Amino acid sequence: MTMRSRRTSSAVRKIKRRTMKGTRVLYKRRKTKPSAVCAVCGARLGGIGKGTKTRCRPERKFGGALCHRCTSEIIKYSTRVSTGVVSIEDVPLEYKKYVEGYKK
């Protein structure tokens, strides 16, 4: 990595401040990562850390991808499809690919 690319990184936010003396100071602050959101409804997922990948990883089905409400709906629809109460065409479109991939 060259010196120029290290100075002009896009991962660092540059903040200009004026001190009490009147001089200008340039602070560099790392940009924060966006929090995880549900793939279906867009709700914020709780229990997922922003930095580490192994410490805060949910170990349930669709963990880290879907919220608990959408996961419970997908489990309900997949049970109904497997028992024959509802056909796969009657499942809402946003849930369909998860219902097809879900196996008990």
C-alpha atoms as a PDB file:
ATOM      1  CA  MET A   1       0.000   0.000   0.000  1.00  0.00           C
ATOM      2  CA  THR A   2       1.458   3.313  -0.979  1.00  0.00           C
ATOM      3  CA  MET A   3       1.518   6.341   1.262  1.00  0.00           C
ATOM      4  CA  ARG A   4      -0.995   8.224  -0.859  1.00  0.00           C
ATOM      5  CA  SER A   5      -3.630   5.491  -0.792  1.00  0.00           C
ATOM      6  CA  ARG A   6      -3.241   5.194   2.973  1.00  0.00           C
ATOM      7  CA  ARG A   7      -3.868   8.900   3.414  1.00  0.00           C
ATOM      8  CA  THR A   8      -6.857   9.047   1.074  1.00  0.00           C
ATOM      9  CA  SER A   9      -8.776   6.023   2.335  1.00  0.00           C
ATOM     10  CA  SER A  10     -12.541   6.120   1.916  1.00  0.00           C
ATOM     11  CA  ALA A  11     -13.044   4.113   5.118  1.00  0.00           C
ATOM     12  CA  VAL A  12     -11.995   7.136   7.191  1.00  0.00           C
ATOM     13  CA  ARG A  13     -14.197  10.168   7.700  1.00  0.00           C
ATOM     14  CA  LYS A  14     -12.372  13.492   7.925  1.00  0.00           C
ATOM     15  CA  ILE A  15     -13.687  15.986  10.468  1.00  0.00           C
ATOM     16  CA  LYS A  16     -12.403  19.569  10.574  1.00  0.00           C
ATOM     17  CA  ARG A  17     -12.583  21.408  13.899  1.00  0.00           C
ATOM     18  CA  ARG A  18     -11.507  24.805  15.103  1.00  0.00           C
ATOM     19  CA  THR A  19      -9.716  24.846  18.460  1.00  0.00           C
ATOM     20  CA  MET A  20      -9.934  27.486  21.177  1.00  0.00           C
ATOM     21  CA  LYS A  21      -6.682  29.033  19.924  1.00  0.00           C
ATOM     22  CA  GLY A  22      -8.177  29.494  16.485  1.00  0.00           C
ATOM     23  CA  THR A  23      -6.115  26.871  14.706  1.00  0.00           C
ATOM     24  CA  ARG A  24      -7.773  24.281  12.561  1.00  0.00           C
ATOM     25  CA  VAL A  25      -7.339  20.598  13.320  1.00  0.00           C
ATOM     26  CA  LEU A  26      -8.197  17.627  11.099  1.00  0.00           C
ATOM     27  CA  TYR A  27      -9.496  14.543  12.916  1.00  0.00           C
ATOM     28  CA  LYS A  28      -9.849  11.196  11.215  1.00  0.00           C
ATOM     29  CA  ARG A  29     -12.564   8.869  12.405  1.00  0.00           C
ATOM     30  CA  ARG A  30     -13.410   5.409  11.043  1.00  0.00           C
ATOM     31  CA  LYS A  31     -16.835   5.103   9.446  1.00  0.00           C
ATOM     32  CA  THR A  32     -19.284   2.902  11.344  1.00  0.00           C
ATOM     33  CA  LYS A  33     -20.628  -0.244   9.713  1.00  0.00           C
ATOM     34  CA  PRO A  34     -24.368  -0.404   9.110  1.00  0.00           C
ATOM     35  CA  SER A  35     -26.359  -2.648  11.427  1.00  0.00           C
ATOM     36  CA  ALA A  36     -27.827  -5.898  10.070  1.00  0.00           C
ATOM     37  CA  VAL A  37     -31.379  -5.807   8.744  1.00  0.00           C
ATOM     38  CA  CYS A  38     -33.965  -8.440   7.873  1.00  0.00           C
ATOM     39  CA  ALA A  39     -33.963  -9.524   4.214  1.00  0.00           C
ATOM     40  CA  VAL A  40     -37.769  -9.555   4.003  1.00  0.00           C
ATOM     41  CA  CYS A  41     -39.156  -6.686   6.081  1.00  0.00           C
ATOM     42  CA  GLY A  42     -36.036  -4.559   6.673  1.00  0.00           C
ATOM     43  CA  ALA A  43     -36.294  -4.572  10.483  1.00  0.00           C
ATOM     44  CA  ARG A  44     -33.079  -4.218  12.491  1.00  0.00           C
ATOM     45  CA  LEU A  45     -31.690  -7.558  13.664  1.00  0.00           C
ATOM     46  CA  GLY A  46     -30.788  -7.748  17.326  1.00  0.00           C
ATOM     47  CA  GLY A  47     -27.953  -9.804  18.730  1.00  0.00           C
ATOM     48  CA  ILE A  48     -25.570  -9.331  15.832  1.00  0.00           C
ATOM     49  CA  GLY A  49     -22.343  -7.488  16.510  1.00  0.00           C
ATOM     50  CA  LYS A  50     -20.960  -5.029  14.001  1.00  0.00           C
ATOM     51  CA  GLY A  51     -17.294  -5.956  14.291  1.00  0.00           C
ATOM     52  CA  THR A  52     -16.611  -9.565  15.168  1.00  0.00           C
ATOM     53  CA  LYS A  53     -18.086 -12.420  13.205  1.00  0.00           C
ATOM     54  CA  THR A  54     -17.836 -15.268  15.692  1.00  0.00           C
ATOM     55  CA  ARG A  55     -18.751 -13.715  19.017  1.00  0.00           C
ATOM     56  CA  CYS A  56     -22.317 -12.613  18.285  1.00  0.00           C
ATOM     57  CA  ARG A  57     -23.589 -15.069  15.724  1.00  0.00           C
ATOM     58  CA  PRO A  58     -27.157 -16.394  16.053  1.00  0.00           C
ATOM     59  CA  GLU A  59     -27.184 -20.169  15.584  1.00  0.00           C
ATOM     60  CA  ARG A  60     -30.824 -20.718  14.657  1.00  0.00           C
ATOM     61  CA  LYS A  61     -32.391 -21.254  11.255  1.00  0.00           C
ATOM     62  CA  PHE A  62     -32.120 -18.093   9.076  1.00  0.00           C
ATOM     63  CA  GLY A  63     -30.115 -16.478  11.894  1.00  0.00           C
ATOM     64  CA  GLY A  64     -28.457 -13.271  10.761  1.00  0.00           C
ATOM     65  CA  ALA A  65     -30.678 -13.000   7.689  1.00  0.00           C
ATOM     66  CA  LEU A  66     -34.282 -12.814   8.930  1.00  0.00           C
ATOM     67  CA  CYS A  67     -35.989 -11.375  12.000  1.00  0.00           C
ATOM     68  CA  HIS A  68     -37.958 -13.549  14.400  1.00  0.00           C
ATOM     69  CA  ARG A  69     -41.332 -12.505  12.988  1.00  0.00           C
ATOM     70  CA  CYS A  70     -40.465 -13.436   9.399  1.00  0.00           C
ATOM     71  CA  THR A  71     -38.792 -16.667  10.554  1.00  0.00           C
ATOM     72  CA  SER A  72     -41.917 -17.749  12.430  1.00  0.00           C
ATOM     73  CA  GLU A  73     -44.094 -16.946   9.401  1.00  0.00           C
ATOM     74  CA  ILE A  74     -41.813 -19.003   7.144  1.00  0.00           C
ATOM     75  CA  ILE A  75     -41.937 -21.950   9.558  1.00  0.00           C
ATOM     76  CA  LYS A  76     -45.757 -21.744   9.606  1.00  0.00           C
ATOM     77  CA  TYR A  77     -46.001 -21.618   5.807  1.00  0.00           C
ATOM     78  CA  SER A  78     -43.503 -24.454   5.330  1.00  0.00           C
ATOM     79  CA  THR A  79     -45.463 -26.644   7.749  1.00  0.00           C
ATOM     80  CA  ARG A  80     -48.697 -25.880   5.929  1.00  0.00           C
ATOM     81  CA  VAL A  81     -47.103 -26.653   2.561  1.00  0.00           C
ATOM     82  CA  SER A  82     -45.599 -29.933   3.790  1.00  0.00           C
ATOM     83  CA  THR A  83     -48.918 -31.119   5.249  1.00  0.00           C
ATOM     84  CA  GLY A  84     -50.803 -30.132   2.104  1.00  0.00           C
ATOM     85  CA  VAL A  85     -53.088 -27.506   3.629  1.00  0.00           C
ATOM     86  CA  VAL A  86     -51.656 -24.746   1.424  1.00  0.00           C
ATOM     87  CA  SER A  87     -49.967 -25.051  -1.971  1.00  0.00           C
ATOM     88  CA  ILE A  88     -46.632 -23.374  -2.691  1.00  0.00           C
ATOM     89  CA  GLU A  89     -48.375 -20.941  -5.082  1.00  0.00           C
ATOM     90  CA  ASP A  90     -50.450 -19.555  -2.196  1.00  0.00           C
ATOM     91  CA  VAL A  91     -47.354 -18.552  -0.204  1.00  0.00           C
ATOM     92  CA  PRO A  92     -46.536 -14.815  -0.446  1.00  0.00           C
ATOM     93  CA  LEU A  93     -43.775 -14.053  -2.934  1.00  0.00           C
ATOM     94  CA  GLU A  94     -41.319 -12.603  -0.403  1.00  0.00           C
ATOM     95  CA  TYR A  95     -41.488 -15.799   1.684  1.00  0.00           C
ATOM     96  CA  LYS A  96     -41.498 -18.312  -1.191  1.00  0.00           C
ATOM     97  CA  LYS A  97     -37.735 -18.841  -1.629  1.00  0.00           C
ATOM     98  CA  TYR A  98     -37.257 -19.332   2.114  1.00  0.00           C
ATOM     99  CA  VAL A  99     -40.170 -21.761   2.372  1.00  0.00           C
ATOM    100  CA  GLU A 100     -38.759 -23.845  -0.484  1.00  0.00           C
ATOM    101  CA  GLY A 101     -35.347 -23.939   1.194  1.00  0.00           C
ATOM    102  CA  TYR A 102     -36.652 -24.781   4.654  1.00  0.00           C
ATOM    103  CA  LYS A 103     -36.526 -28.414   5.657  1.00  0.00           C
ATOM    104  CA  LYS A 104     -37.441 -29.680   9.109  1.00  0.00           C
END
